[in-house]
Amino acid sequence: MKEEDLGEFYAQRTLLKREVLPDHVADAVFALTGGDLTRTTGLHVPVDSGVAAAFLR
């Protein structure tokens, strides 16, 4: 498999079937630290496009 195809390959293994890029993680960090979510602790905010094996139990 080509390295440039890995993102799409792993995306197909998630519930949303969408690739997660560093910008998506940065967006989540910005939302948590930007002051708009003043009642959220941010204890667990997955940015993984829905990896079922990683769900909290």
C-alpha atoms as a PDB file:
ATOM      1  CA  MET A   1       0.000   0.000   0.000  1.00  0.00           C
ATOM      2  CA  LYS A   2       1.244   3.474  -0.829  1.00  0.00           C
ATOM      3  CA  GLU A   3       1.892   5.823   2.063  1.00  0.00           C
ATOM      4  CA  GLU A   4      -0.398   8.483   0.611  1.00  0.00           C
ATOM      5  CA  ASP A   5      -3.311   5.986   0.678  1.00  0.00           C
ATOM      6  CA  LEU A   6      -3.034   5.185   4.395  1.00  0.00           C
ATOM      7  CA  GLY A   7      -5.329   8.002   5.538  1.00  0.00           C
ATOM      8  CA  GLU A   8      -8.207   6.784   3.374  1.00  0.00           C
ATOM      9  CA  PHE A   9      -7.528   3.164   4.340  1.00  0.00           C
ATOM     10  CA  TYR A  10      -7.827   3.934   8.065  1.00  0.00           C
ATOM     11  CA  ALA A  11     -10.799   6.253   7.483  1.00  0.00           C
ATOM     12  CA  GLN A  12     -12.757   3.314   6.071  1.00  0.00           C
ATOM     13  CA  ARG A  13     -12.339   1.549   9.423  1.00  0.00           C
ATOM     14  CA  THR A  14     -14.228   4.287  11.313  1.00  0.00           C
ATOM     15  CA  LEU A  15     -17.948   4.936  11.775  1.00  0.00           C
ATOM     16  CA  LEU A  16     -17.914   8.252   9.905  1.00  0.00           C
ATOM     17  CA  LYS A  17     -15.604   6.998   7.128  1.00  0.00           C
ATOM     18  CA  ARG A  18     -13.732  10.300   7.215  1.00  0.00           C
ATOM     19  CA  GLU A  19     -10.023  10.929   7.552  1.00  0.00           C
ATOM     20  CA  VAL A  20      -8.827  12.816  10.635  1.00  0.00           C
ATOM     21  CA  LEU A  21      -6.134  15.384   9.983  1.00  0.00           C
ATOM     22  CA  PRO A  22      -4.088  17.519  12.392  1.00  0.00           C
ATOM     23  CA  ASP A  23      -6.318  20.493  11.569  1.00  0.00           C
ATOM     24  CA  HIS A  24      -9.316  18.582  12.958  1.00  0.00           C
ATOM     25  CA  VAL A  25      -7.528  17.989  16.245  1.00  0.00           C
ATOM     26  CA  ALA A  26      -6.489  21.652  16.354  1.00  0.00           C
ATOM     27  CA  ASP A  27     -10.131  22.680  15.838  1.00  0.00           C
ATOM     28  CA  ALA A  28     -11.158  20.602  18.872  1.00  0.00           C
ATOM     29  CA  VAL A  29      -8.385  22.099  21.003  1.00  0.00           C
ATOM     30  CA  PHE A  30      -9.378  25.597  19.923  1.00  0.00           C
ATOM     31  CA  ALA A  31     -13.033  24.926  20.770  1.00  0.00           C
ATOM     32  CA  LEU A  32     -12.091  23.683  24.242  1.00  0.00           C
ATOM     33  CA  THR A  33      -9.657  26.490  25.025  1.00  0.00           C
ATOM     34  CA  GLY A  34     -11.298  29.364  23.148  1.00  0.00           C
ATOM     35  CA  GLY A  35     -13.708  30.279  25.929  1.00  0.00           C
ATOM     36  CA  ASP A  36     -16.977  29.300  24.231  1.00  0.00           C
ATOM     37  CA  LEU A  37     -17.337  26.047  26.176  1.00  0.00           C
ATOM     38  CA  THR A  38     -17.146  27.450  29.687  1.00  0.00           C
ATOM     39  CA  ARG A  39     -18.970  24.508  31.308  1.00  0.00           C
ATOM     40  CA  THR A  40     -17.009  21.737  29.593  1.00  0.00           C
ATOM     41  CA  THR A  41     -13.995  20.156  31.249  1.00  0.00           C
ATOM     42  CA  GLY A  42     -12.796  18.449  28.101  1.00  0.00           C
ATOM     43  CA  LEU A  43     -12.019  15.309  30.017  1.00  0.00           C
ATOM     44  CA  HIS A  44     -12.508  13.084  26.978  1.00  0.00           C
ATOM     45  CA  VAL A  45     -13.109  14.551  23.548  1.00  0.00           C
ATOM     46  CA  PRO A  46     -12.198  12.018  20.878  1.00  0.00           C
ATOM     47  CA  VAL A  47     -11.323  13.336  17.446  1.00  0.00           C
ATOM     48  CA  ASP A  48     -11.085   9.967  15.756  1.00  0.00           C
ATOM     49  CA  SER A  49     -13.985   9.797  13.291  1.00  0.00           C
ATOM     50  CA  GLY A  50     -15.627   7.099  15.397  1.00  0.00           C
ATOM     51  CA  VAL A  51     -13.256   4.250  16.191  1.00  0.00           C
ATOM     52  CA  ALA A  52     -15.655   1.775  17.817  1.00  0.00           C
ATOM     53  CA  ALA A  53     -12.883  -0.082  19.627  1.00  0.00           C
ATOM     54  CA  ALA A  54     -11.956   3.150  21.420  1.00  0.00           C
ATOM     55  CA  PHE A  55     -15.441   3.866  22.829  1.00  0.00           C
ATOM     56  CA  LEU A  56     -15.585   4.340  26.588  1.00  0.00           C
ATOM     57  CA  ARG A  57     -16.997   1.358  28.391  1.00  0.00           C
END
